[in-house]
């Protein structure tokens, strides 16, 4: 393989990794927001 081909493949793999990481962070944020909403609603019920 030529050096340019290796660089392009490495770049594509790096961007796929970054995209996967961003997807993971997004899902984690959504789950955290749902848990926070549950805790806030429970606190409102307790406080009256």
N, C-alpha and C. Protein backbone atom coordinates (compact mmCIF):
# COMPACT_ATOMS: atom_id res chain seq x y z
N UNK A 1 0.85 -1.19 0.00
CA UNK A 1 0.00 0.00 0.00
C UNK A 1 0.88 1.25 0.00
N UNK A 2 0.40 2.23 -0.65
CA UNK A 2 1.11 3.50 -0.67
C UNK A 2 0.91 4.22 0.65
N UNK A 3 1.80 5.12 0.94
CA UNK A 3 1.74 5.88 2.19
C UNK A 3 0.45 6.70 2.27
N UNK A 4 0.04 7.26 1.15
CA UNK A 4 -1.18 8.08 1.14
C UNK A 4 -2.40 7.23 1.47
N UNK A 5 -2.45 6.02 0.97
CA UNK A 5 -3.57 5.11 1.26
C UNK A 5 -3.64 4.80 2.74
N UNK A 6 -2.49 4.56 3.34
CA UNK A 6 -2.44 4.26 4.77
C UNK A 6 -2.92 5.45 5.58
N UNK A 7 -2.50 6.64 5.19
CA UNK A 7 -2.90 7.85 5.90
C UNK A 7 -4.41 8.06 5.80
N UNK A 8 -4.96 7.86 4.61
CA UNK A 8 -6.40 8.05 4.41
C UNK A 8 -7.18 7.02 5.22
N UNK A 9 -6.74 5.77 5.23
CA UNK A 9 -7.42 4.74 6.02
C UNK A 9 -7.34 5.05 7.52
N UNK A 10 -6.17 5.47 7.96
CA UNK A 10 -6.02 5.82 9.38
C UNK A 10 -6.93 6.99 9.75
N UNK A 11 -7.04 7.95 8.86
CA UNK A 11 -7.91 9.10 9.09
C UNK A 11 -9.37 8.65 9.18
N UNK A 12 -9.78 7.77 8.29
CA UNK A 12 -11.17 7.28 8.31
C UNK A 12 -11.45 6.52 9.59
N UNK A 13 -10.50 5.68 10.01
CA UNK A 13 -10.69 4.92 11.25
C UNK A 13 -10.76 5.85 12.45
N UNK A 14 -9.91 6.88 12.45
CA UNK A 14 -9.93 7.84 13.56
C UNK A 14 -11.29 8.56 13.63
N UNK A 15 -11.83 8.98 12.48
CA UNK A 15 -13.12 9.67 12.48
C UNK A 15 -14.26 8.74 12.90
N UNK A 16 -14.16 7.46 12.52
CA UNK A 16 -15.18 6.50 12.97
C UNK A 16 -15.13 6.35 14.48
N UNK A 17 -13.92 6.32 15.03
CA UNK A 17 -13.78 6.25 16.48
C UNK A 17 -14.35 7.47 17.18
N UNK A 18 -14.07 8.63 16.63
CA UNK A 18 -14.61 9.87 17.21
C UNK A 18 -16.13 9.87 17.13
N UNK A 19 -16.68 9.43 16.01
CA UNK A 19 -18.14 9.36 15.87
C UNK A 19 -18.76 8.39 16.85
N UNK A 20 -18.13 7.25 17.04
CA UNK A 20 -18.62 6.28 18.02
C UNK A 20 -18.59 6.83 19.43
N UNK A 21 -17.52 7.54 19.76
CA UNK A 21 -17.41 8.16 21.08
C UNK A 21 -18.49 9.21 21.29
N UNK A 22 -18.74 10.02 20.28
CA UNK A 22 -19.79 11.04 20.40
C UNK A 22 -21.17 10.40 20.55
N UNK A 23 -21.41 9.29 19.85
CA UNK A 23 -22.68 8.58 20.00
C UNK A 23 -22.82 8.05 21.43
N UNK A 24 -21.74 7.50 21.97
CA UNK A 24 -21.76 7.00 23.35
C UNK A 24 -22.04 8.12 24.34
N UNK A 25 -21.40 9.26 24.17
CA UNK A 25 -21.61 10.40 25.06
C UNK A 25 -23.05 10.90 24.96
N UNK A 26 -23.61 10.93 23.74
CA UNK A 26 -24.98 11.38 23.55
C UNK A 26 -25.96 10.46 24.27
N UNK A 27 -25.77 9.15 24.13
CA UNK A 27 -26.66 8.21 24.81
C UNK A 27 -26.53 8.32 26.32
N UNK A 28 -25.31 8.49 26.80
CA UNK A 28 -25.10 8.65 28.24
C UNK A 28 -25.80 9.90 28.75
N UNK A 29 -25.71 10.98 28.00
CA UNK A 29 -26.36 12.24 28.39
C UNK A 29 -27.88 12.07 28.45
N UNK A 30 -28.45 11.37 27.48
CA UNK A 30 -29.90 11.15 27.49
C UNK A 30 -30.33 10.34 28.71
N UNK A 31 -29.57 9.29 29.01
CA UNK A 31 -29.90 8.46 30.18
C UNK A 31 -29.79 9.28 31.47
N UNK A 32 -28.76 10.10 31.54
CA UNK A 32 -28.56 10.93 32.72
C UNK A 32 -29.70 11.94 32.87
N UNK A 33 -30.14 12.53 31.76
CA UNK A 33 -31.25 13.49 31.80
C UNK A 33 -32.54 12.81 32.26
N UNK A 34 -32.76 11.57 31.81
CA UNK A 34 -33.96 10.84 32.24
C UNK A 34 -33.90 10.54 33.73
N UNK A 35 -32.75 10.12 34.22
CA UNK A 35 -32.61 9.83 35.65
C UNK A 35 -32.82 11.09 36.48
N UNK A 36 -32.27 12.21 36.01
CA UNK A 36 -32.43 13.47 36.73
C UNK A 36 -33.90 13.88 36.77
N UNK A 37 -34.60 13.71 35.67
CA UNK A 37 -36.03 14.05 35.64
C UNK A 37 -36.80 13.19 36.63
N UNK A 38 -36.47 11.91 36.71
CA UNK A 38 -37.13 11.03 37.68
C UNK A 38 -36.86 11.47 39.11
N UNK A 39 -35.62 11.80 39.39
CA UNK A 39 -35.28 12.24 40.73
C UNK A 39 -35.97 13.56 41.09
N UNK A 40 -36.04 14.47 40.13
CA UNK A 40 -36.70 15.75 40.38
C UNK A 40 -38.19 15.56 40.63
N UNK A 41 -38.83 14.68 39.86
CA UNK A 41 -40.26 14.46 40.06
C UNK A 41 -40.51 13.77 41.39
N UNK A 42 -39.64 12.87 41.79
CA UNK A 42 -39.78 12.20 43.09
C UNK A 42 -39.60 13.20 44.22
N UNK A 43 -38.65 14.11 44.06
CA UNK A 43 -38.41 15.12 45.10
C UNK A 43 -39.62 16.06 45.23
N UNK A 44 -40.24 16.40 44.08
CA UNK A 44 -41.42 17.26 44.13
C UNK A 44 -42.57 16.57 44.87
N UNK A 45 -42.71 15.25 44.63
CA UNK A 45 -43.79 14.52 45.30
C UNK A 45 -43.54 14.46 46.81
N UNK A 46 -42.29 14.31 47.21
CA UNK A 46 -41.96 14.22 48.64
C UNK A 46 -42.16 15.57 49.31
N UNK A 47 -41.72 16.63 48.65
CA UNK A 47 -41.81 17.97 49.22
C UNK A 47 -43.26 18.48 49.24
N UNK A 48 -44.06 17.94 48.37
CA UNK A 48 -45.46 18.32 48.36
C UNK A 48 -45.67 19.48 47.49
